[in-house]
Amino acid sequence: MAEDLDAATKLEIYKLVIGRYKDLISEKESRSISDLRQSVSPYNDAIRKLRDPMLADMVPYVFKAQFFTAAQRAMAYVRGIRTCEFAFAFWMSVKEMDALKLGTAMDKAILLAALLRSFECEDAKVLVTKKGAAFVKFSWNGAQYLFAAGRLRVQRPRL
């Protein structure tokens, strides 16, 4: 009968396994442009399940009158998800992020863009810098907004 391993020893074993197979994990976790576009789809069932409670008190939802309130709720939700970056390519589904309240900056940006698009914001886009930082850009009432997915604040760029 094997002895039970303590949590610290199990963690070290998991680190060894992940370190050994990180290239294989990265290869299997890569996503195509088509996969990314589908991730930002406002018609995804997981997105709808997050969107509907955010709009529950706005029935019927009127984009021109209620979008910014809905956007603020979506940004607050995404801010509540902790950011975790990995040493290899790894993405989490909307359901996984919702359950763990954890995701990469890119996954959080994709989630926010999908939510904004589900609120009828057609110009919500995920932007990625050369260094890999993820942002969500959208406009409202003539102003442009930039949400830093890896950070905890929204910036309104000065034009």
C-alpha atoms as a PDB file:
ATOM      1  CA  MET A   1       0.000   0.000   0.000  1.00  0.00           C
ATOM      2  CA  ALA A   2       1.474   3.323  -1.089  1.00  0.00           C
ATOM      3  CA  GLU A   3       1.833   6.141   1.391  1.00  0.00           C
ATOM      4  CA  ASP A   4      -0.297   9.244   0.843  1.00  0.00           C
ATOM      5  CA  LEU A   5       1.773  12.086  -0.509  1.00  0.00           C
ATOM      6  CA  ASP A   6       1.591  15.508   1.080  1.00  0.00           C
ATOM      7  CA  ALA A   7       0.334  18.451  -0.976  1.00  0.00           C
ATOM      8  CA  ALA A   8       3.819  19.972  -1.417  1.00  0.00           C
ATOM      9  CA  THR A   9       5.215  16.714  -2.849  1.00  0.00           C
ATOM     10  CA  LYS A  10       2.235  16.330  -5.189  1.00  0.00           C
ATOM     11  CA  LEU A  11       2.762  19.901  -6.384  1.00  0.00           C
ATOM     12  CA  GLU A  12       6.421  19.204  -7.165  1.00  0.00           C
ATOM     13  CA  ILE A  13       5.468  16.076  -9.136  1.00  0.00           C
ATOM     14  CA  TYR A  14       2.862  18.039 -11.120  1.00  0.00           C
ATOM     15  CA  LYS A  15       5.489  20.701 -11.845  1.00  0.00           C
ATOM     16  CA  LEU A  16       7.862  18.035 -13.168  1.00  0.00           C
ATOM     17  CA  VAL A  17       5.191  16.505 -15.400  1.00  0.00           C
ATOM     18  CA  ILE A  18       4.100  19.870 -16.782  1.00  0.00           C
ATOM     19  CA  GLY A  19       7.711  20.978 -17.284  1.00  0.00           C
ATOM     20  CA  ARG A  20       8.518  17.799 -19.184  1.00  0.00           C
ATOM     21  CA  TYR A  21       5.470  17.996 -21.447  1.00  0.00           C
ATOM     22  CA  LYS A  22       5.009  21.771 -21.807  1.00  0.00           C
ATOM     23  CA  ASP A  23       5.943  21.733 -25.523  1.00  0.00           C
ATOM     24  CA  LEU A  24       3.359  19.042 -26.212  1.00  0.00           C
ATOM     25  CA  ILE A  25       0.767  20.935 -24.178  1.00  0.00           C
ATOM     26  CA  SER A  26       1.527  24.149 -26.099  1.00  0.00           C
ATOM     27  CA  GLU A  27       1.169  22.304 -29.401  1.00  0.00           C
ATOM     28  CA  LYS A  28      -2.201  20.815 -28.412  1.00  0.00           C
ATOM     29  CA  GLU A  29      -3.465  24.117 -26.958  1.00  0.00           C
ATOM     30  CA  SER A  30      -2.719  26.279 -29.988  1.00  0.00           C
ATOM     31  CA  ARG A  31      -5.756  27.931 -31.590  1.00  0.00           C
ATOM     32  CA  SER A  32      -6.422  28.960 -35.156  1.00  0.00           C
ATOM     33  CA  ILE A  33      -7.804  32.332 -36.210  1.00  0.00           C
ATOM     34  CA  SER A  34     -11.128  30.584 -36.797  1.00  0.00           C
ATOM     35  CA  ASP A  35     -11.080  29.207 -33.233  1.00  0.00           C
ATOM     36  CA  LEU A  36     -10.369  32.679 -31.856  1.00  0.00           C
ATOM     37  CA  ARG A  37     -13.187  34.238 -33.878  1.00  0.00           C
ATOM     38  CA  GLN A  38     -15.581  31.602 -32.582  1.00  0.00           C
ATOM     39  CA  SER A  39     -14.430  32.380 -29.022  1.00  0.00           C
ATOM     40  CA  VAL A  40     -15.537  36.002 -29.426  1.00  0.00           C
ATOM     41  CA  SER A  41     -18.940  34.974 -30.742  1.00  0.00           C
ATOM     42  CA  PRO A  42     -21.806  36.602 -28.830  1.00  0.00           C
ATOM     43  CA  TYR A  43     -23.967  33.605 -29.762  1.00  0.00           C
ATOM     44  CA  ASN A  44     -21.980  31.116 -27.675  1.00  0.00           C
ATOM     45  CA  ASP A  45     -24.216  29.410 -25.041  1.00  0.00           C
ATOM     46  CA  ALA A  46     -21.696  30.052 -22.251  1.00  0.00           C
ATOM     47  CA  ILE A  47     -21.641  33.761 -23.155  1.00  0.00           C
ATOM     48  CA  ARG A  48     -25.434  33.884 -23.126  1.00  0.00           C
ATOM     49  CA  LYS A  49     -25.510  32.301 -19.661  1.00  0.00           C
ATOM     50  CA  LEU A  50     -23.242  35.077 -18.368  1.00  0.00           C
ATOM     51  CA  ARG A  51     -24.986  37.853 -20.319  1.00  0.00           C
ATOM     52  CA  ASP A  52     -28.582  37.087 -19.322  1.00  0.00           C
ATOM     53  CA  PRO A  53     -28.189  37.781 -15.563  1.00  0.00           C
ATOM     54  CA  MET A  54     -26.317  41.015 -16.384  1.00  0.00           C
ATOM     55  CA  LEU A  55     -29.341  42.198 -18.365  1.00  0.00           C
ATOM     56  CA  ALA A  56     -32.063  40.720 -16.128  1.00  0.00           C
ATOM     57  CA  ASP A  57     -33.206  44.123 -14.830  1.00  0.00           C
ATOM     58  CA  MET A  58     -32.983  45.743 -18.298  1.00  0.00           C
ATOM     59  CA  VAL A  59     -35.874  44.048 -20.066  1.00  0.00           C
ATOM     60  CA  PRO A  60     -36.369  44.973 -22.791  1.00  0.00           C
ATOM     61  CA  TYR A  61     -32.701  45.780 -23.384  1.00  0.00           C
ATOM     62  CA  VAL A  62     -32.205  48.990 -25.379  1.00  0.00           C
ATOM     63  CA  PHE A  63     -28.658  49.382 -26.668  1.00  0.00           C
ATOM     64  CA  LYS A  64     -28.668  53.184 -26.923  1.00  0.00           C
ATOM     65  CA  ALA A  65     -29.927  53.635 -23.362  1.00  0.00           C
ATOM     66  CA  GLN A  66     -28.407  50.696 -21.497  1.00  0.00           C
ATOM     67  CA  PHE A  67     -25.206  49.566 -23.202  1.00  0.00           C
ATOM     68  CA  PHE A  68     -22.756  51.397 -20.961  1.00  0.00           C
ATOM     69  CA  THR A  69     -24.395  50.045 -17.790  1.00  0.00           C
ATOM     70  CA  ALA A  70     -24.216  46.531 -19.251  1.00  0.00           C
ATOM     71  CA  ALA A  71     -20.583  47.123 -20.295  1.00  0.00           C
ATOM     72  CA  GLN A  72     -19.682  48.237 -16.764  1.00  0.00           C
ATOM     73  CA  ARG A  73     -21.236  45.050 -15.378  1.00  0.00           C
ATOM     74  CA  ALA A  74     -19.258  42.933 -17.839  1.00  0.00           C
ATOM     75  CA  MET A  75     -16.023  44.746 -16.982  1.00  0.00           C
ATOM     76  CA  ALA A  76     -16.686  44.274 -13.261  1.00  0.00           C
ATOM     77  CA  TYR A  77     -17.280  40.571 -13.856  1.00  0.00           C
ATOM     78  CA  VAL A  78     -14.029  40.201 -15.834  1.00  0.00           C
ATOM     79  CA  ARG A  79     -12.117  42.193 -13.187  1.00  0.00           C
ATOM     80  CA  GLY A  80     -13.308  39.592 -10.662  1.00  0.00           C
ATOM     81  CA  ILE A  81     -11.455  36.886 -12.586  1.00  0.00           C
ATOM     82  CA  ARG A  82      -7.878  36.520 -11.400  1.00  0.00           C
ATOM     83  CA  THR A  83      -5.186  36.693 -14.084  1.00  0.00           C
ATOM     84  CA  CYS A  84      -2.851  33.738 -14.374  1.00  0.00           C
ATOM     85  CA  GLU A  85      -0.225  33.363 -17.088  1.00  0.00           C
ATOM     86  CA  PHE A  86       1.431  30.066 -17.903  1.00  0.00           C
ATOM     87  CA  ALA A  87       4.932  29.186 -19.148  1.00  0.00           C
ATOM     88  CA  PHE A  88       3.265  27.388 -22.071  1.00  0.00           C
ATOM     89  CA  ALA A  89       0.243  27.899 -24.302  1.00  0.00           C
ATOM     90  CA  PHE A  90      -2.930  27.104 -22.393  1.00  0.00           C
ATOM     91  CA  TRP A  91      -6.424  28.492 -22.746  1.00  0.00           C
ATOM     92  CA  MET A  92      -9.511  28.122 -20.622  1.00  0.00           C
ATOM     93  CA  SER A  93     -13.122  27.924 -21.719  1.00  0.00           C
ATOM     94  CA  VAL A  94     -15.713  30.416 -20.505  1.00  0.00           C
ATOM     95  CA  LYS A  95     -17.172  27.727 -18.237  1.00  0.00           C
ATOM     96  CA  GLU A  96     -13.751  26.952 -16.745  1.00  0.00           C
ATOM     97  CA  MET A  97     -12.994  30.634 -16.129  1.00  0.00           C
ATOM     98  CA  ASP A  98     -16.410  31.134 -14.558  1.00  0.00           C
ATOM     99  CA  ALA A  99     -15.990  28.117 -12.273  1.00  0.00           C
ATOM    100  CA  LEU A 100     -12.406  28.890 -11.192  1.00  0.00           C
ATOM    101  CA  LYS A 101     -12.620  32.717 -11.451  1.00  0.00           C
ATOM    102  CA  LEU A 102      -9.222  32.458 -13.149  1.00  0.00           C
ATOM    103  CA  GLY A 103      -7.929  32.996 -16.692  1.00  0.00           C
ATOM    104  CA  THR A 104      -5.137  34.341 -18.826  1.00  0.00           C
ATOM    105  CA  ALA A 105      -5.226  37.989 -19.868  1.00  0.00           C
ATOM    106  CA  MET A 106      -5.997  36.846 -23.427  1.00  0.00           C
ATOM    107  CA  ASP A 107      -8.883  34.640 -22.277  1.00  0.00           C
ATOM    108  CA  LYS A 108     -10.263  37.506 -20.173  1.00  0.00           C
ATOM    109  CA  ALA A 109     -10.017  39.889 -23.139  1.00  0.00           C
ATOM    110  CA  ILE A 110     -11.808  37.415 -25.399  1.00  0.00           C
ATOM    111  CA  LEU A 111     -14.512  36.948 -22.770  1.00  0.00           C
ATOM    112  CA  LEU A 112     -15.085  40.686 -22.363  1.00  0.00           C
ATOM    113  CA  ALA A 113     -15.166  41.278 -26.123  1.00  0.00           C
ATOM    114  CA  ALA A 114     -17.708  38.474 -26.515  1.00  0.00           C
ATOM    115  CA  LEU A 115     -19.882  39.923 -23.741  1.00  0.00           C
ATOM    116  CA  LEU A 116     -19.715  43.425 -25.237  1.00  0.00           C
ATOM    117  CA  ARG A 117     -20.626  42.016 -28.638  1.00  0.00           C
ATOM    118  CA  SER A 118     -23.536  40.160 -27.031  1.00  0.00           C
ATOM    119  CA  PHE A 119     -24.718  43.593 -25.802  1.00  0.00           C
ATOM    120  CA  GLU A 120     -24.778  44.687 -29.493  1.00  0.00           C
ATOM    121  CA  CYS A 121     -21.454  46.549 -29.440  1.00  0.00           C
ATOM    122  CA  GLU A 122     -20.246  45.768 -32.947  1.00  0.00           C
ATOM    123  CA  ASP A 123     -16.838  47.425 -32.663  1.00  0.00           C
ATOM    124  CA  ALA A 124     -15.567  45.535 -29.582  1.00  0.00           C
ATOM    125  CA  LYS A 125     -12.153  44.120 -30.504  1.00  0.00           C
ATOM    126  CA  VAL A 126      -9.326  42.294 -28.792  1.00  0.00           C
ATOM    127  CA  LEU A 127      -5.974  43.983 -29.381  1.00  0.00           C
ATOM    128  CA  VAL A 128      -2.652  42.319 -28.636  1.00  0.00           C
ATOM    129  CA  THR A 129       0.669  44.162 -28.403  1.00  0.00           C
ATOM    130  CA  LYS A 130       3.956  42.804 -29.750  1.00  0.00           C
ATOM    131  CA  LYS A 131       4.816  41.846 -26.173  1.00  0.00           C
ATOM    132  CA  GLY A 132       1.568  39.877 -25.832  1.00  0.00           C
ATOM    133  CA  ALA A 133      -0.439  42.242 -23.620  1.00  0.00           C
ATOM    134  CA  ALA A 134      -4.182  41.887 -24.314  1.00  0.00           C
ATOM    135  CA  PHE A 135      -6.663  44.770 -24.425  1.00  0.00           C
ATOM    136  CA  VAL A 136     -10.298  45.228 -25.396  1.00  0.00           C
ATOM    137  CA  LYS A 137     -11.171  48.322 -27.386  1.00  0.00           C
ATOM    138  CA  PHE A 138     -14.717  49.589 -27.864  1.00  0.00           C
ATOM    139  CA  SER A 139     -16.510  52.868 -28.373  1.00  0.00           C
ATOM    140  CA  TRP A 140     -19.585  54.436 -26.843  1.00  0.00           C
ATOM    141  CA  ASN A 141     -21.158  57.840 -27.420  1.00  0.00           C
ATOM    142  CA  GLY A 142     -18.214  59.053 -29.486  1.00  0.00           C
ATOM    143  CA  ALA A 143     -15.582  58.048 -26.905  1.00  0.00           C
ATOM    144  CA  GLN A 144     -13.108  55.187 -27.278  1.00  0.00           C
ATOM    145  CA  TYR A 145     -12.419  52.876 -24.338  1.00  0.00           C
ATOM    146  CA  LEU A 146      -9.539  50.499 -23.703  1.00  0.00           C
ATOM    147  CA  PHE A 147      -9.787  47.713 -21.126  1.00  0.00           C
ATOM    148  CA  ALA A 148      -6.458  46.255 -20.008  1.00  0.00           C
ATOM    149  CA  ALA A 149      -7.284  42.579 -19.522  1.00  0.00           C
ATOM    150  CA  GLY A 150      -4.259  41.791 -17.402  1.00  0.00           C
ATOM    151  CA  ARG A 151      -4.835  44.760 -15.133  1.00  0.00           C
ATOM    152  CA  LEU A 152      -7.632  45.902 -12.890  1.00  0.00           C
ATOM    153  CA  ARG A 153      -8.695  49.143 -14.535  1.00  0.00           C
ATOM    154  CA  VAL A 154     -10.273  50.609 -17.625  1.00  0.00           C
ATOM    155  CA  GLN A 155      -8.528  53.383 -19.462  1.00  0.00           C
ATOM    156  CA  ARG A 156     -10.220  55.967 -21.631  1.00  0.00           C
ATOM    157  CA  PRO A 157      -7.562  56.979 -24.146  1.00  0.00           C
ATOM    158  CA  ARG A 158      -7.053  60.678 -24.760  1.00  0.00           C
ATOM    159  CA  LEU A 159      -7.331  61.495 -28.441  1.00  0.00           C
END
